[in-house]
Amino acid sequence: MLPHVKPLTPRVGVSAVSSPLEVGAERAPQAAQDLAALLRAAGCEVVAQPPLGSADQARAAGRAWAEAHVDAIALAAVSWFEDYLGLELLEECGAPLLLWPLPGMETGPCAEHSNSPVSCGTCTDRTRAYSGRWPAATSEGKPWHSCGPRRSTAACAGSGSVSLDSISVG
């Protein structure tokens, strides 16, 4: 490294986003703290804001991040949320927006139960058992998938579930 060049430290706005009435929304404060800790450990400067669940909260966070001149915004998506939250935020601060979804997020019934009012027990159990960590694999060492280990992505097509089979989280 050149002696006169100071290394750049990314300044990242961090929060969580959810629809307050959705299952799992109560996890927003802890998820935002966990995400902030991961980013700090990676060498980022974190500018934290309270969880976002309304347009007013999103606008206020966006203004605060614009004033702080953040390089990017990272939001922990803890439940389904309305798209206007992101849009309101971006109206105030045009920094790149990164979403960090929680594994096992309950987004509705899996494909197995798409015509039923119940959701698959595996999804529901994992949603409620969130331990504050983003695992790269199940306890059996198999790649994590939001509807259970080793279930194919096609099995959840159209259910709103996201496959994390190809994502490695440290």
N, C-alpha and C. Protein backbone atom coordinates (compact mmCIF):
# COMPACT_ATOMS: atom_id res chain seq x y z
N MET A 1 0.84 -1.18 0.00
CA MET A 1 0.00 0.00 0.00
C MET A 1 0.89 1.25 0.00
N LEU A 2 0.46 2.23 -0.68
CA LEU A 2 1.20 3.49 -0.73
C LEU A 2 1.07 4.19 0.62
N PRO A 3 2.15 4.75 1.14
CA PRO A 3 2.11 5.34 2.48
C PRO A 3 1.19 6.56 2.59
N HIS A 4 0.96 7.26 1.52
CA HIS A 4 0.14 8.47 1.57
C HIS A 4 -1.34 8.20 1.25
N VAL A 5 -1.68 6.95 0.96
CA VAL A 5 -3.06 6.61 0.60
C VAL A 5 -3.73 5.93 1.80
N LYS A 6 -4.81 6.50 2.23
CA LYS A 6 -5.59 5.94 3.34
C LYS A 6 -6.61 4.95 2.78
N PRO A 7 -6.75 3.75 3.36
CA PRO A 7 -7.74 2.80 2.83
C PRO A 7 -9.16 3.35 2.99
N LEU A 8 -9.99 3.05 2.02
CA LEU A 8 -11.38 3.49 2.05
C LEU A 8 -12.20 2.59 2.95
N THR A 9 -13.05 3.18 3.74
CA THR A 9 -13.96 2.43 4.60
C THR A 9 -15.38 2.73 4.12
N PRO A 10 -16.08 1.72 3.59
CA PRO A 10 -17.45 1.97 3.14
C PRO A 10 -18.36 2.37 4.30
N ARG A 11 -19.15 3.38 4.08
CA ARG A 11 -20.14 3.83 5.06
C ARG A 11 -21.50 3.28 4.60
N VAL A 12 -22.10 2.42 5.43
CA VAL A 12 -23.31 1.71 5.03
C VAL A 12 -24.45 2.04 5.99
N GLY A 13 -25.57 2.48 5.44
CA GLY A 13 -26.79 2.66 6.22
C GLY A 13 -27.42 1.30 6.46
N VAL A 14 -27.80 1.01 7.70
CA VAL A 14 -28.33 -0.31 8.05
C VAL A 14 -29.64 -0.17 8.82
N SER A 15 -30.58 -1.02 8.46
CA SER A 15 -31.86 -1.11 9.17
C SER A 15 -32.49 -2.45 8.81
N ALA A 16 -33.71 -2.62 9.25
CA ALA A 16 -34.51 -3.79 8.86
C ALA A 16 -35.82 -3.26 8.30
N VAL A 17 -36.44 -4.06 7.45
CA VAL A 17 -37.69 -3.65 6.82
C VAL A 17 -38.70 -4.79 6.94
N SER A 18 -39.94 -4.42 7.25
CA SER A 18 -41.01 -5.42 7.39
C SER A 18 -42.35 -4.71 7.32
N SER A 19 -43.37 -5.50 7.14
CA SER A 19 -44.73 -5.00 7.29
C SER A 19 -45.11 -5.33 8.73
N PRO A 20 -45.43 -4.34 9.55
CA PRO A 20 -45.62 -4.57 10.99
C PRO A 20 -46.63 -5.66 11.36
N LEU A 21 -47.58 -5.97 10.49
CA LEU A 21 -48.59 -6.96 10.82
C LEU A 21 -48.22 -8.37 10.36
N GLU A 22 -47.08 -8.53 9.69
CA GLU A 22 -46.68 -9.83 9.16
C GLU A 22 -45.98 -10.68 10.22
N VAL A 23 -46.06 -12.00 10.04
CA VAL A 23 -45.36 -12.93 10.90
C VAL A 23 -43.86 -12.65 10.82
N GLY A 24 -43.21 -12.52 11.95
CA GLY A 24 -41.77 -12.30 11.99
C GLY A 24 -41.34 -10.85 12.10
N ALA A 25 -42.27 -9.90 11.97
CA ALA A 25 -41.91 -8.48 12.01
C ALA A 25 -41.25 -8.10 13.34
N GLU A 26 -41.58 -8.80 14.39
CA GLU A 26 -41.00 -8.48 15.70
C GLU A 26 -39.50 -8.76 15.76
N ARG A 27 -38.98 -9.49 14.78
CA ARG A 27 -37.54 -9.80 14.73
C ARG A 27 -36.72 -8.67 14.13
N ALA A 28 -37.35 -7.62 13.66
CA ALA A 28 -36.64 -6.56 12.94
C ALA A 28 -35.50 -5.92 13.73
N PRO A 29 -35.70 -5.51 14.98
CA PRO A 29 -34.58 -4.87 15.69
C PRO A 29 -33.35 -5.77 15.81
N GLN A 30 -33.56 -7.04 16.16
CA GLN A 30 -32.43 -7.95 16.31
C GLN A 30 -31.76 -8.24 14.97
N ALA A 31 -32.55 -8.40 13.92
CA ALA A 31 -31.98 -8.67 12.60
C ALA A 31 -31.13 -7.50 12.13
N ALA A 32 -31.58 -6.27 12.39
CA ALA A 32 -30.80 -5.09 12.00
C ALA A 32 -29.49 -5.04 12.78
N GLN A 33 -29.54 -5.36 14.07
CA GLN A 33 -28.31 -5.37 14.88
C GLN A 33 -27.34 -6.44 14.38
N ASP A 34 -27.87 -7.61 14.03
CA ASP A 34 -27.02 -8.70 13.52
C ASP A 34 -26.35 -8.30 12.20
N LEU A 35 -27.12 -7.70 11.31
CA LEU A 35 -26.58 -7.27 10.03
C LEU A 35 -25.52 -6.19 10.24
N ALA A 36 -25.77 -5.25 11.14
CA ALA A 36 -24.78 -4.21 11.44
C ALA A 36 -23.48 -4.82 11.97
N ALA A 37 -23.60 -5.82 12.83
CA ALA A 37 -22.41 -6.49 13.37
C ALA A 37 -21.61 -7.18 12.27
N LEU A 38 -22.31 -7.83 11.34
CA LEU A 38 -21.62 -8.48 10.22
C LEU A 38 -20.86 -7.46 9.37
N LEU A 39 -21.50 -6.35 9.10
CA LEU A 39 -20.86 -5.32 8.27
C LEU A 39 -19.69 -4.66 8.99
N ARG A 40 -19.84 -4.42 10.29
CA ARG A 40 -18.70 -3.87 11.06
C ARG A 40 -17.52 -4.84 11.03
N ALA A 41 -17.81 -6.13 11.21
CA ALA A 41 -16.75 -7.14 11.19
C ALA A 41 -16.06 -7.20 9.83
N ALA A 42 -16.78 -6.81 8.78
CA ALA A 42 -16.20 -6.80 7.43
C ALA A 42 -15.46 -5.49 7.14
N GLY A 43 -15.42 -4.59 8.12
CA GLY A 43 -14.67 -3.35 7.95
C GLY A 43 -15.47 -2.15 7.53
N CYS A 44 -16.79 -2.24 7.57
CA CYS A 44 -17.64 -1.12 7.17
C CYS A 44 -17.94 -0.21 8.36
N GLU A 45 -18.15 1.06 8.06
CA GLU A 45 -18.69 1.99 9.05
C GLU A 45 -20.21 1.90 8.92
N VAL A 46 -20.90 1.67 10.02
CA VAL A 46 -22.35 1.47 9.99
C VAL A 46 -23.07 2.72 10.51
N VAL A 47 -24.07 3.15 9.76
CA VAL A 47 -24.96 4.23 10.18
C VAL A 47 -26.34 3.59 10.35
N ALA A 48 -26.68 3.26 11.59
CA ALA A 48 -27.91 2.51 11.87
C ALA A 48 -29.12 3.43 12.00
N GLN A 49 -30.26 2.90 11.60
CA GLN A 49 -31.56 3.56 11.76
C GLN A 49 -32.53 2.54 12.34
N PRO A 50 -33.58 2.99 13.03
CA PRO A 50 -34.58 2.04 13.56
C PRO A 50 -35.25 1.27 12.42
N PRO A 51 -35.87 0.13 12.74
CA PRO A 51 -36.57 -0.66 11.71
C PRO A 51 -37.61 0.16 10.96
N LEU A 52 -37.79 -0.18 9.67
CA LEU A 52 -38.71 0.55 8.80
C LEU A 52 -39.98 -0.27 8.58
N GLY A 53 -41.11 0.31 8.93
CA GLY A 53 -42.38 -0.37 8.72
C GLY A 53 -43.46 0.56 8.18
N SER A 54 -43.10 1.84 8.02
CA SER A 54 -44.07 2.81 7.49
C SER A 54 -43.36 3.75 6.52
N ALA A 55 -44.13 4.44 5.71
CA ALA A 55 -43.57 5.39 4.74
C ALA A 55 -42.82 6.51 5.46
N ASP A 56 -43.38 6.99 6.58
CA ASP A 56 -42.71 8.06 7.33
C ASP A 56 -41.35 7.60 7.85
N GLN A 57 -41.29 6.37 8.37
CA GLN A 57 -40.02 5.84 8.87
C GLN A 57 -39.01 5.69 7.73
N ALA A 58 -39.47 5.23 6.58
CA ALA A 58 -38.58 5.05 5.43
C ALA A 58 -38.03 6.39 4.95
N ARG A 59 -38.89 7.42 4.88
CA ARG A 59 -38.43 8.74 4.46
C ARG A 59 -37.44 9.32 5.46
N ALA A 60 -37.72 9.18 6.76
CA ALA A 60 -36.81 9.70 7.79
C ALA A 60 -35.44 9.01 7.71
N ALA A 61 -35.43 7.71 7.53
CA ALA A 61 -34.16 6.98 7.41
C ALA A 61 -33.42 7.43 6.15
N GLY A 62 -34.14 7.58 5.06
CA GLY A 62 -33.51 8.02 3.82
C GLY A 62 -32.87 9.39 3.96
N ARG A 63 -33.57 10.31 4.63
CA ARG A 63 -33.00 11.65 4.86
C ARG A 63 -31.75 11.56 5.73
N ALA A 64 -31.81 10.77 6.79
CA ALA A 64 -30.65 10.62 7.69
C ALA A 64 -29.46 10.03 6.94
N TRP A 65 -29.69 9.04 6.09
CA TRP A 65 -28.59 8.43 5.34
C TRP A 65 -28.05 9.37 4.28
N ALA A 66 -28.91 10.18 3.68
CA ALA A 66 -28.43 11.17 2.71
C ALA A 66 -27.53 12.19 3.40
N GLU A 67 -27.94 12.65 4.58
CA GLU A 67 -27.14 13.61 5.35
C GLU A 67 -25.82 13.00 5.80
N ALA A 68 -25.80 11.69 6.04
CA ALA A 68 -24.59 11.00 6.47
C ALA A 68 -23.71 10.60 5.29
N HIS A 69 -24.17 10.83 4.07
CA HIS A 69 -23.43 10.51 2.85
C HIS A 69 -23.00 9.04 2.82
N VAL A 70 -23.98 8.13 3.03
CA VAL A 70 -23.65 6.70 3.00
C VAL A 70 -23.32 6.27 1.57
N ASP A 71 -22.48 5.24 1.48
CA ASP A 71 -22.10 4.68 0.18
C ASP A 71 -23.11 3.65 -0.31
N ALA A 72 -23.82 3.04 0.62
CA ALA A 72 -24.83 2.01 0.29
C ALA A 72 -25.78 1.88 1.47
N ILE A 73 -26.90 1.24 1.22
CA ILE A 73 -27.89 0.95 2.26
C ILE A 73 -28.12 -0.55 2.27
N ALA A 74 -28.08 -1.16 3.45
CA ALA A 74 -28.34 -2.59 3.60
C ALA A 74 -29.52 -2.76 4.54
N LEU A 75 -30.55 -3.44 4.07
CA LEU A 75 -31.75 -3.67 4.87
C LEU A 75 -31.94 -5.17 5.10
N ALA A 76 -32.16 -5.56 6.33
CA ALA A 76 -32.52 -6.94 6.65
C ALA A 76 -34.02 -7.06 6.42
N ALA A 77 -34.43 -7.85 5.44
CA ALA A 77 -35.85 -8.06 5.15
C ALA A 77 -36.35 -9.19 6.04
N VAL A 78 -37.12 -8.85 7.07
CA VAL A 78 -37.52 -9.86 8.05
C VAL A 78 -38.90 -10.44 7.79
N SER A 79 -39.66 -9.83 6.92
CA SER A 79 -40.98 -10.35 6.54
C SER A 79 -41.33 -9.75 5.18
N TRP A 80 -42.47 -10.16 4.68
CA TRP A 80 -42.99 -9.51 3.49
C TRP A 80 -43.15 -8.03 3.84
N PHE A 81 -42.91 -7.15 2.86
CA PHE A 81 -43.10 -5.72 3.11
C PHE A 81 -43.56 -5.05 1.83
N GLU A 82 -44.19 -3.90 1.97
CA GLU A 82 -44.71 -3.15 0.84
C GLU A 82 -43.57 -2.50 0.08
N ASP A 83 -43.67 -2.50 -1.25
CA ASP A 83 -42.60 -1.94 -2.07
C ASP A 83 -42.43 -0.44 -1.88
N TYR A 84 -43.47 0.25 -1.44
CA TYR A 84 -43.33 1.69 -1.29
C TYR A 84 -42.33 2.07 -0.20
N LEU A 85 -42.02 1.16 0.72
CA LEU A 85 -41.03 1.48 1.75
C LEU A 85 -39.66 1.72 1.10
N GLY A 86 -39.28 0.86 0.18
CA GLY A 86 -38.03 1.06 -0.54
C GLY A 86 -38.07 2.29 -1.43
N LEU A 87 -39.20 2.51 -2.07
CA LEU A 87 -39.33 3.66 -2.97
C LEU A 87 -39.25 4.98 -2.21
N GLU A 88 -39.92 5.04 -1.06
CA GLU A 88 -39.88 6.27 -0.25
C GLU A 88 -38.46 6.54 0.24
N LEU A 89 -37.78 5.49 0.66
CA LEU A 89 -36.40 5.61 1.13
C LEU A 89 -35.51 6.14 0.02
N LEU A 90 -35.64 5.56 -1.17
CA LEU A 90 -34.79 5.95 -2.30
C LEU A 90 -35.11 7.34 -2.83
N GLU A 91 -36.31 7.84 -2.57
CA GLU A 91 -36.63 9.23 -2.94
C GLU A 91 -35.75 10.20 -2.16
N GLU A 92 -35.38 9.80 -0.94
CA GLU A 92 -34.59 10.67 -0.06
C GLU A 92 -33.09 10.42 -0.19
N CYS A 93 -32.70 9.18 -0.48
CA CYS A 93 -31.28 8.82 -0.57
C CYS A 93 -31.10 7.85 -1.72
N GLY A 94 -30.33 8.25 -2.71
CA GLY A 94 -30.17 7.44 -3.92
C GLY A 94 -29.01 6.46 -3.87
N ALA A 95 -28.51 6.12 -2.68
CA ALA A 95 -27.42 5.15 -2.57
C ALA A 95 -27.90 3.76 -3.00
N PRO A 96 -26.99 2.91 -3.46
CA PRO A 96 -27.39 1.54 -3.83
C PRO A 96 -28.05 0.83 -2.64
N LEU A 97 -29.10 0.09 -2.92
CA LEU A 97 -29.88 -0.59 -1.89
C LEU A 97 -29.65 -2.10 -1.98
N LEU A 98 -29.23 -2.68 -0.86
CA LEU A 98 -29.00 -4.12 -0.76
C LEU A 98 -30.00 -4.71 0.22
N LEU A 99 -30.66 -5.79 -0.16
CA LEU A 99 -31.61 -6.46 0.74
C LEU A 99 -30.97 -7.74 1.25
N TRP A 100 -31.08 -7.99 2.54
CA TRP A 100 -30.51 -9.18 3.18
C TRP A 100 -31.68 -9.96 3.78
N PRO A 101 -32.28 -10.88 3.03
CA PRO A 101 -33.42 -11.63 3.55
C PRO A 101 -32.99 -12.69 4.56
N LEU A 102 -33.82 -12.94 5.53
CA LEU A 102 -33.54 -13.98 6.51
C LEU A 102 -33.92 -15.34 5.93
N PRO A 103 -33.12 -16.36 6.19
CA PRO A 103 -33.50 -17.70 5.73
C PRO A 103 -34.72 -18.19 6.50
N GLY A 104 -35.58 -18.90 5.81
CA GLY A 104 -36.76 -19.46 6.46
C GLY A 104 -37.86 -18.45 6.69
N MET A 105 -37.77 -17.27 6.07
CA MET A 105 -38.80 -16.25 6.24
C MET A 105 -40.15 -16.81 5.79
N GLU A 106 -41.17 -16.62 6.59
CA GLU A 106 -42.50 -17.10 6.21
C GLU A 106 -43.11 -16.09 5.26
N THR A 107 -43.24 -16.49 3.99
CA THR A 107 -43.79 -15.60 2.97
C THR A 107 -45.12 -16.10 2.44
N GLY A 108 -45.67 -17.11 3.09
CA GLY A 108 -46.91 -17.71 2.63
C GLY A 108 -46.72 -19.20 2.52
N PRO A 109 -47.76 -19.91 2.11
CA PRO A 109 -47.64 -21.36 2.05
C PRO A 109 -46.66 -21.81 0.96
N CYS A 110 -45.99 -22.92 1.23
CA CYS A 110 -45.08 -23.47 0.22
C CYS A 110 -45.93 -24.09 -0.89
N ALA A 111 -45.29 -24.48 -1.98
CA ALA A 111 -46.00 -25.03 -3.13
C ALA A 111 -46.82 -26.26 -2.75
N GLU A 112 -46.32 -27.00 -1.77
CA GLU A 112 -47.01 -28.20 -1.32
C GLU A 112 -48.40 -27.88 -0.76
N HIS A 113 -48.52 -26.66 -0.18
CA HIS A 113 -49.77 -26.26 0.44
C HIS A 113 -50.36 -25.00 -0.20
N SER A 114 -50.03 -24.74 -1.45
CA SER A 114 -50.45 -23.48 -2.06
C SER A 114 -51.97 -23.35 -2.17
N ASN A 115 -52.71 -24.45 -2.13
CA ASN A 115 -54.17 -24.37 -2.18
C ASN A 115 -54.78 -24.60 -0.81
N SER A 116 -53.96 -24.47 0.22
CA SER A 116 -54.41 -24.75 1.58
C SER A 116 -54.07 -23.56 2.47
N PRO A 117 -54.85 -23.32 3.53
CA PRO A 117 -54.54 -22.20 4.42
C PRO A 117 -53.38 -22.48 5.36
N VAL A 118 -52.79 -23.68 5.32
CA VAL A 118 -51.66 -24.00 6.20
C VAL A 118 -50.36 -23.92 5.41
N SER A 119 -49.27 -23.72 6.12
CA SER A 119 -47.98 -23.75 5.45
C SER A 119 -47.21 -24.96 5.96
N CYS A 120 -46.19 -25.34 5.22
CA CYS A 120 -45.41 -26.53 5.55
C CYS A 120 -44.73 -26.32 6.89
N GLY A 121 -44.73 -27.30 7.75
CA GLY A 121 -44.16 -27.21 9.09
C GLY A 121 -42.69 -26.85 9.09
N THR A 122 -41.96 -27.31 8.09
CA THR A 122 -40.54 -27.00 8.02
C THR A 122 -40.33 -25.50 7.90
N CYS A 123 -41.08 -24.85 7.02
CA CYS A 123 -40.93 -23.40 6.84
C CYS A 123 -41.31 -22.66 8.12
N THR A 124 -42.45 -23.02 8.70
CA THR A 124 -42.93 -22.34 9.90
C THR A 124 -41.98 -22.55 11.06
N ASP A 125 -41.50 -23.78 11.25
CA ASP A 125 -40.58 -24.06 12.35
C ASP A 125 -39.30 -23.25 12.20
N ARG A 126 -38.75 -23.17 10.99
CA ARG A 126 -37.50 -22.44 10.80
C ARG A 126 -37.70 -20.95 10.97
N THR A 127 -38.87 -20.44 10.58
CA THR A 127 -39.14 -19.02 10.76
C THR A 127 -39.14 -18.69 12.24
N ARG A 128 -39.80 -19.48 13.03
CA ARG A 128 -39.91 -19.21 14.46
C ARG A 128 -38.61 -19.51 15.21
N ALA A 129 -37.76 -20.33 14.62
CA ALA A 129 -36.54 -20.74 15.31
C ALA A 129 -35.33 -19.88 14.93
N TYR A 130 -35.53 -18.75 14.26
CA TYR A 130 -34.42 -17.90 13.87
C TYR A 130 -33.57 -17.59 15.09
N SER A 131 -32.28 -17.88 15.00
CA SER A 131 -31.40 -17.75 16.16
C SER A 131 -30.48 -16.54 16.07
N GLY A 132 -30.67 -15.67 15.10
CA GLY A 132 -29.80 -14.52 14.97
C GLY A 132 -28.60 -14.79 14.09
N ARG A 133 -28.56 -15.93 13.41
CA ARG A 133 -27.44 -16.26 12.52
C ARG A 133 -27.98 -16.59 11.15
N TRP A 134 -27.21 -16.29 10.14
CA TRP A 134 -27.55 -16.65 8.77
C TRP A 134 -26.71 -17.87 8.40
N PRO A 135 -27.22 -19.09 8.58
CA PRO A 135 -26.40 -20.27 8.33
C PRO A 135 -26.16 -20.49 6.84
N ALA A 136 -25.00 -21.05 6.53
CA ALA A 136 -24.69 -21.40 5.15
C ALA A 136 -25.25 -22.76 4.80
N ALA A 137 -25.52 -23.56 5.83
CA ALA A 137 -26.01 -24.92 5.58
C ALA A 137 -26.82 -25.37 6.79
N THR A 138 -27.56 -26.44 6.62
CA THR A 138 -28.31 -27.03 7.71
C THR A 138 -27.35 -27.73 8.66
N SER A 139 -27.83 -28.18 9.79
CA SER A 139 -26.97 -28.88 10.74
C SER A 139 -26.40 -30.16 10.15
N GLU A 140 -27.06 -30.70 9.14
CA GLU A 140 -26.56 -31.91 8.47
C GLU A 140 -25.51 -31.57 7.40
N GLY A 141 -25.20 -30.28 7.23
CA GLY A 141 -24.21 -29.88 6.24
C GLY A 141 -24.77 -29.74 4.84
N LYS A 142 -26.07 -29.89 4.67
CA LYS A 142 -26.69 -29.76 3.35
C LYS A 142 -27.00 -28.29 3.09
N PRO A 143 -26.97 -27.85 1.83
CA PRO A 143 -27.28 -26.44 1.54
C PRO A 143 -28.65 -26.06 2.09
N TRP A 144 -28.72 -24.84 2.63
CA TRP A 144 -29.97 -24.32 3.20
C TRP A 144 -30.94 -23.99 2.08
N HIS A 145 -32.21 -24.29 2.31
CA HIS A 145 -33.27 -23.89 1.38
C HIS A 145 -34.44 -23.48 2.24
N SER A 146 -35.16 -22.45 1.87
CA SER A 146 -36.18 -21.88 2.73
C SER A 146 -37.34 -22.83 3.01
N CYS A 147 -37.58 -23.83 2.18
CA CYS A 147 -38.66 -24.78 2.45
C CYS A 147 -38.11 -26.11 2.95
N GLY A 148 -36.89 -26.15 3.38
CA GLY A 148 -36.32 -27.36 3.95
C GLY A 148 -35.09 -27.82 3.20
N PRO A 149 -34.27 -28.62 3.86
CA PRO A 149 -33.04 -29.06 3.23
C PRO A 149 -33.32 -29.95 2.02
N ARG A 150 -32.58 -29.70 0.97
CA ARG A 150 -32.54 -30.53 -0.23
C ARG A 150 -33.83 -30.55 -1.04
N ARG A 151 -34.83 -29.75 -0.72
CA ARG A 151 -36.02 -29.68 -1.56
C ARG A 151 -35.67 -28.85 -2.77
N SER A 152 -36.11 -29.23 -3.92
CA SER A 152 -35.71 -28.52 -5.14
C SER A 152 -36.33 -27.14 -5.20
N THR A 153 -35.65 -26.23 -5.89
CA THR A 153 -36.16 -24.88 -6.07
C THR A 153 -37.51 -24.92 -6.78
N ALA A 154 -37.66 -25.85 -7.72
CA ALA A 154 -38.91 -25.96 -8.47
C ALA A 154 -40.08 -26.28 -7.56
N ALA A 155 -39.82 -26.96 -6.44
CA ALA A 155 -40.90 -27.32 -5.52
C ALA A 155 -41.53 -26.09 -4.91
N CYS A 156 -40.79 -24.98 -4.86
CA CYS A 156 -41.33 -23.78 -4.24
C CYS A 156 -41.64 -22.69 -5.25
N ALA A 157 -41.59 -23.01 -6.52
CA ALA A 157 -41.85 -22.00 -7.56
C ALA A 157 -43.22 -21.39 -7.36
N GLY A 158 -43.25 -20.09 -7.38
CA GLY A 158 -44.52 -19.37 -7.26
C GLY A 158 -45.00 -19.20 -5.84
N SER A 159 -44.27 -19.70 -4.86
CA SER A 159 -44.74 -19.60 -3.48
C SER A 159 -44.19 -18.37 -2.79
N GLY A 160 -43.26 -17.66 -3.42
CA GLY A 160 -42.63 -16.52 -2.78
C GLY A 160 -41.40 -16.93 -1.99
N SER A 161 -41.09 -18.21 -1.94
CA SER A 161 -39.90 -18.68 -1.23
C SER A 161 -38.68 -18.44 -2.10
N VAL A 162 -37.55 -18.28 -1.47
CA VAL A 162 -36.31 -18.01 -2.16
C VAL A 162 -35.33 -19.13 -1.89
N SER A 163 -34.71 -19.65 -2.92
CA SER A 163 -33.69 -20.68 -2.75
C SER A 163 -32.36 -20.05 -2.45
N LEU A 164 -31.72 -20.50 -1.40
CA LEU A 164 -30.40 -20.03 -1.05
C LEU A 164 -29.35 -21.08 -1.36
N ASP A 165 -29.70 -22.05 -2.22
CA ASP A 165 -28.79 -23.15 -2.53
C ASP A 165 -27.44 -22.66 -3.05
N SER A 166 -27.41 -21.56 -3.77
CA SER A 166 -26.16 -21.14 -4.39
C SER A 166 -25.48 -19.99 -3.63
N ILE A 167 -26.03 -19.59 -2.48
CA ILE A 167 -25.46 -18.49 -1.73
C ILE A 167 -24.72 -19.03 -0.52
N SER A 168 -23.50 -18.62 -0.35
CA SER A 168 -22.70 -19.04 0.81
C SER A 168 -22.59 -17.86 1.75
N VAL A 169 -23.02 -18.03 2.99
CA VAL A 169 -22.96 -16.97 3.98
C VAL A 169 -22.06 -17.46 5.10
N GLY A 170 -21.05 -16.66 5.44
CA GLY A 170 -19.98 -17.03 6.31
C GLY A 170 -20.28 -17.31 7.70
